Amino acid sequence: MTLTAGTVTLTLTAQSAAPCVEASDAMTLTISEQATANAGVDATICEGSTYTMIATATNAASITWSSNGTGTFADATIEDAVYTPSAADILNGTVTLTMTVTSASPCINAVDQMVLSINPQATVSAGADATICETGTYTLIGATESNATSLLWTSTGTGTFDDATILNAEYTPSVADITAGTVTLTLTAQSAAPCVEASDATPSQNDIDDGTVTLTMTVTSASPCINATDQMVLSINPQATVSAGADATICETGTYTLTAATATNATSLL
């Protein structure tokens, strides 16, 4: 006999020896459907995000979500519950979420799990404002990052980095950078997916001519985290130049006025 959900009447009939009549009795068998649970596939989110479960349950008398972490569900009794990771969950990096579907008695409960990975959001700082001379180079000693999988410095000018893939790179402004007076140096840090990248911004000749440049650092986080950005202002002071003029001869009783002397970008003379 193939049984399906619902009820079925079972009858037992007993034959008696003649001339006695047969005896029979019936009972009703109720067949409950077995519950099923599918917690969904493993997923990854960025810290600071919540996760909406993509789960299914059938023949459920009730649904209960639980976590081996310390985060919370907005409503732990529905299929598409929303989970908010705790600080401890984020620190651990993963949390196991369990869906328990209660079946009608006497069927057993159905249980399924999924692993939620939580990637840290990248952070970045371009460092404090700084000042360099037009003849100098600039080492980005104040730049900091966290949770980056790779780094890359880029410039809006034509200067060069000694190594554009390290945090504390050294930038040498080009002649064009110096002429332009300003240049924007951008540090982009890639994070593990799904967080987004973050970037932060050092001088070209334009930077030097302008006297200041705003450096922006953007760090890319793993999706779906948002980028982290910070800025610093680099002031570029022009190099002073001086010429005392050509050699001259005077009489011992005379004075000499230094009419041929020149100076540029000087804050004082002595």
Protein backbone atom coordinates (compact mmCIF):
# COMPACT_ATOMS: atom_id res chain seq x y z
CA MET A 1 0.00 0.00 0.00
CA THR A 2 1.29 3.47 -0.92
CA LEU A 3 0.51 6.05 1.71
CA THR A 4 0.05 9.75 1.01
CA ALA A 5 -0.67 12.59 3.38
CA GLY A 6 -4.16 12.63 4.77
CA THR A 7 -6.20 9.86 6.34
CA VAL A 8 -6.91 6.26 5.45
CA THR A 9 -9.34 3.78 6.98
CA LEU A 10 -7.91 0.35 7.71
CA THR A 11 -10.39 -2.51 8.25
CA LEU A 12 -9.59 -5.88 9.77
CA THR A 13 -12.05 -8.69 9.00
CA ALA A 14 -11.96 -12.07 10.76
CA GLN A 15 -13.79 -15.09 9.43
CA SER A 16 -15.49 -17.32 12.01
CA ALA A 17 -16.17 -21.02 11.81
CA ALA A 18 -19.65 -21.72 10.47
CA PRO A 19 -22.23 -21.01 11.38
CA CYS A 20 -20.71 -17.98 13.09
CA VAL A 21 -20.57 -14.74 11.15
CA GLU A 22 -17.38 -12.84 10.36
CA ALA A 23 -16.17 -10.08 12.65
CA SER A 24 -14.62 -6.80 11.50
CA ASP A 25 -13.30 -3.56 12.93
CA ALA A 26 -11.86 -0.38 11.42
CA MET A 27 -9.35 2.30 12.46
CA THR A 28 -8.43 5.64 10.94
CA LEU A 29 -4.74 6.23 10.20
CA THR A 30 -3.69 9.90 9.88
CA ILE A 31 -0.58 10.45 7.74
CA SER A 32 1.40 13.64 8.43
CA GLU A 33 3.71 15.17 5.84
CA GLN A 34 7.45 15.30 6.61
CA ALA A 35 8.82 18.83 6.81
CA THR A 36 11.85 19.85 4.71
CA ALA A 37 14.37 22.62 5.26
CA ASN A 38 16.78 24.39 2.89
CA ALA A 39 18.79 27.15 4.57
CA GLY A 40 20.23 28.33 1.24
CA VAL A 41 23.78 28.39 -0.08
CA ASP A 42 26.73 29.80 1.83
CA ALA A 43 27.11 33.56 1.41
CA THR A 44 29.52 36.43 2.10
CA ILE A 45 28.74 39.95 3.28
CA CYS A 46 30.80 42.95 4.34
CA GLU A 47 30.98 44.03 7.95
CA GLY A 48 28.30 46.55 8.76
CA SER A 49 25.79 44.77 6.52
CA THR A 50 22.86 42.54 7.34
CA TYR A 51 21.96 39.34 5.50
CA THR A 52 18.50 38.30 4.35
CA MET A 53 18.17 34.53 4.30
CA ILE A 54 17.27 32.90 0.98
CA ALA A 55 15.69 29.77 2.40
CA THR A 56 12.72 27.48 1.81
CA ALA A 57 10.67 25.24 4.06
CA THR A 58 7.84 22.86 3.25
CA ASN A 59 5.20 21.26 5.45
CA ALA A 60 6.31 23.43 8.34
CA ALA A 61 4.45 23.55 11.60
CA SER A 62 6.94 26.23 12.64
CA ILE A 63 10.33 27.69 11.65
CA THR A 64 13.15 28.68 13.98
CA TRP A 65 16.48 30.26 13.01
CA SER A 66 19.50 30.06 15.31
CA SER A 67 23.15 31.10 15.15
CA ASN A 68 26.35 29.73 16.63
CA GLY A 69 27.42 33.36 17.02
CA THR A 70 25.97 36.23 18.98
CA GLY A 71 24.20 38.15 16.22
CA THR A 72 20.44 38.61 16.07
CA PHE A 73 17.53 37.82 13.74
CA ALA A 74 14.87 40.46 13.16
CA ASP A 75 12.28 37.64 13.11
CA ALA A 76 13.66 34.14 13.62
CA THR A 77 10.36 32.45 12.70
CA ILE A 78 10.15 33.23 8.96
CA GLU A 79 11.94 31.83 5.91
CA ASP A 80 13.54 35.13 4.82
CA ALA A 81 14.78 36.17 8.25
CA VAL A 82 17.26 39.07 8.41
CA TYR A 83 20.46 38.41 10.36
CA THR A 84 22.61 41.16 11.89
CA PRO A 85 26.12 39.97 12.80
CA SER A 86 27.53 40.97 16.17
CA ALA A 87 30.98 42.45 16.75
CA ALA A 88 32.15 38.99 17.81
CA ASP A 89 30.75 37.47 14.59
CA ILE A 90 32.66 40.05 12.53
CA LEU A 91 35.84 39.38 14.48
CA ASN A 92 35.50 35.62 13.94
CA GLY A 93 34.86 36.11 10.23
CA THR A 94 32.19 33.40 9.87
CA VAL A 95 28.98 32.32 11.55
CA THR A 96 26.82 29.23 11.01
CA LEU A 97 23.08 29.87 10.71
CA THR A 98 20.73 26.95 11.32
CA MET A 99 17.15 26.59 10.09
CA THR A 100 14.98 24.17 12.08
CA VAL A 101 11.59 23.29 10.61
CA THR A 102 9.16 21.58 12.96
CA SER A 103 7.04 18.81 11.45
CA ALA A 104 3.60 17.73 12.54
CA SER A 105 3.85 14.86 15.03
CA PRO A 106 5.07 12.19 14.77
CA CYS A 107 7.40 13.33 11.96
CA ILE A 108 10.88 14.46 12.93
CA ASN A 109 12.14 18.00 12.55
CA ALA A 110 14.07 19.04 9.42
CA VAL A 111 17.34 20.91 9.90
CA ASP A 112 19.69 22.65 7.46
CA GLN A 113 22.61 25.06 7.83
CA MET A 114 24.49 27.70 5.87
CA VAL A 115 27.77 29.50 6.58
CA LEU A 116 27.79 33.29 6.45
CA SER A 117 31.26 34.77 5.91
CA ILE A 118 31.80 38.37 7.03
CA ASN A 119 34.63 40.28 5.35
CA PRO A 120 36.12 43.30 7.15
CA GLN A 121 35.66 46.77 5.65
CA ALA A 122 38.89 48.35 4.46
CA THR A 123 39.90 51.59 6.15
CA VAL A 124 42.40 54.21 5.06
CA SER A 125 44.17 57.37 6.19
CA ALA A 126 46.26 59.62 3.95
CA GLY A 127 48.24 61.02 6.87
CA ALA A 128 48.70 64.55 8.18
CA ASP A 129 49.24 67.60 5.99
CA ALA A 130 52.88 68.12 4.94
CA THR A 131 55.16 70.57 3.14
CA ILE A 132 58.01 69.83 0.71
CA CYS A 133 60.35 71.90 -1.43
CA GLU A 134 60.03 71.83 -5.22
CA THR A 135 63.40 70.10 -5.45
CA GLY A 136 62.40 67.35 -3.05
CA THR A 137 60.60 64.03 -3.11
CA TYR A 138 57.85 62.97 -0.76
CA THR A 139 57.61 59.71 1.16
CA LEU A 140 54.04 58.89 2.18
CA ILE A 141 55.02 57.95 5.72
CA GLY A 142 51.67 58.99 7.19
CA ALA A 143 49.54 56.71 5.01
CA THR A 144 47.81 53.82 6.76
CA GLU A 145 45.41 51.07 5.71
CA SER A 146 43.75 47.99 7.10
CA ASN A 147 42.13 44.90 5.58
CA ALA A 148 43.55 45.54 2.09
CA THR A 149 44.48 42.68 -0.24
CA SER A 150 46.59 44.92 -2.51
CA LEU A 151 47.71 48.56 -2.81
CA LEU A 152 48.31 50.86 -5.77
CA TRP A 153 49.39 54.51 -5.86
CA THR A 154 48.49 56.60 -8.89
CA SER A 155 49.10 60.25 -9.79
CA THR A 156 47.21 62.79 -11.87
CA GLY A 157 50.61 64.15 -12.88
CA THR A 158 53.63 62.60 -14.58
CA GLY A 159 55.88 62.09 -11.58
CA THR A 160 57.02 58.64 -10.50
CA PHE A 161 56.76 56.35 -7.47
CA ASP A 162 59.69 54.23 -6.38
CA ASP A 163 57.19 51.39 -5.83
CA ALA A 164 53.52 52.14 -6.41
CA THR A 165 52.39 48.92 -4.72
CA ILE A 166 53.65 49.66 -1.20
CA LEU A 167 52.00 51.78 1.47
CA ASN A 168 54.83 54.23 2.18
CA ALA A 169 55.84 54.88 -1.41
CA GLU A 170 58.17 57.73 -2.39
CA TYR A 171 56.93 60.16 -5.06
CA THR A 172 59.24 62.23 -7.27
CA PRO A 173 57.45 65.14 -8.99
CA SER A 174 58.15 65.61 -12.68
CA VAL A 175 59.02 68.93 -14.33
CA ALA A 176 55.43 69.10 -15.53
CA ASP A 177 54.22 68.44 -11.98
CA ILE A 178 56.38 71.27 -10.66
CA THR A 179 55.16 73.62 -13.39
CA ALA A 180 51.54 72.67 -12.76
CA GLY A 181 51.97 73.23 -9.04
CA THR A 182 49.56 70.53 -7.89
CA VAL A 183 49.13 66.83 -8.35
CA THR A 184 46.72 64.41 -6.77
CA LEU A 185 48.16 61.12 -5.58
CA THR A 186 45.59 58.39 -5.01
CA LEU A 187 46.10 55.18 -3.06
CA THR A 188 43.65 52.43 -3.94
CA ALA A 189 43.44 49.37 -1.71
CA GLN A 190 41.60 46.27 -2.85
CA SER A 191 39.66 44.26 -0.28
CA ALA A 192 38.33 40.76 -0.34
CA ALA A 193 34.97 40.54 -2.12
CA PRO A 194 32.27 41.58 -1.60
CA CYS A 195 33.59 44.73 0.11
CA VAL A 196 34.25 47.73 -2.13
CA GLU A 197 37.63 49.38 -2.73
CA ALA A 198 38.86 52.31 -0.70
CA SER A 199 41.32 54.99 -1.81
CA ASP A 200 43.17 58.00 -0.38
CA ALA A 201 45.33 60.61 -1.93
CA THR A 202 50.88 63.31 -3.07
CA PRO A 203 53.11 66.57 -5.85
CA SER A 204 53.51 67.28 -9.66
CA GLN A 205 54.83 70.53 -11.13
CA ASN A 206 51.29 71.88 -11.05
CA ASP A 207 51.16 71.00 -7.37
CA ILE A 208 54.35 72.90 -6.72
CA ASP A 209 53.21 75.93 -8.73
CA ASP A 210 49.90 76.02 -6.91
CA GLY A 211 51.61 75.62 -3.55
CA THR A 212 49.21 73.01 -2.18
CA VAL A 213 47.75 69.71 -3.26
CA THR A 214 44.98 67.62 -1.76
CA LEU A 215 45.88 63.94 -1.51
CA THR A 216 42.98 61.51 -1.36
CA MET A 217 43.34 57.91 -0.23
CA THR A 218 40.57 55.48 -1.19
CA VAL A 219 40.57 51.93 0.15
CA THR A 220 38.48 49.32 -1.66
CA SER A 221 36.62 46.94 0.62
CA ALA A 222 35.26 43.51 -0.11
CA SER A 223 31.76 43.75 -1.59
CA PRO A 224 29.23 44.82 -0.46
CA CYS A 225 31.18 47.11 1.87
CA ILE A 226 31.57 50.73 0.79
CA ASN A 227 34.84 52.48 0.04
CA ALA A 228 36.76 54.29 2.79
CA THR A 229 38.26 57.67 1.89
CA ASP A 230 40.48 60.19 3.64
CA GLN A 231 42.40 63.28 2.53
CA MET A 232 45.45 65.33 3.48
CA VAL A 233 46.74 68.66 2.18
CA LEU A 234 50.39 68.75 1.08
CA SER A 235 51.87 72.26 0.99
CA ILE A 236 54.78 72.73 -1.43
CA ASN A 237 57.14 75.62 -0.79
CA PRO A 238 59.20 76.93 -3.74
CA GLN A 239 62.97 76.60 -3.62
CA ALA A 240 64.70 79.95 -2.97
CA THR A 241 67.30 81.09 -5.53
CA VAL A 242 69.88 83.86 -5.22
CA SER A 243 72.48 85.67 -7.32
CA ALA A 244 74.87 88.26 -5.82
CA GLY A 245 75.69 89.67 -9.26
CA ALA A 246 78.96 89.87 -11.16
CA ASP A 247 82.30 90.61 -9.55
CA ALA A 248 83.10 94.35 -9.32
CA THR A 249 85.92 96.73 -8.36
CA ILE A 250 85.67 99.93 -6.31
CA CYS A 251 88.06 102.41 -4.74
CA GLU A 252 88.96 101.86 -1.12
CA THR A 253 87.18 105.07 -0.20
CA GLY A 254 84.00 104.17 -2.01
CA THR A 255 80.84 102.18 -1.35
CA TYR A 256 79.15 99.66 -3.58
CA THR A 257 75.44 99.18 -4.19
CA LEU A 258 74.53 95.59 -5.07
CA THR A 259 72.24 96.58 -7.92
CA ALA A 260 72.72 93.29 -9.78
CA ALA A 261 71.70 91.07 -6.89
CA THR A 262 68.54 89.00 -7.38
CA ALA A 263 66.56 86.61 -5.22
CA THR A 264 63.42 84.54 -5.78
CA ASN A 265 61.12 82.79 -3.31
CA ALA A 266 63.04 84.23 -0.36
CA THR A 267 61.39 84.78 3.00
CA SER A 268 64.36 86.82 4.28
CA LEU A 269 67.77 88.06 3.14
CA LEU A 270 71.03 88.41 5.03
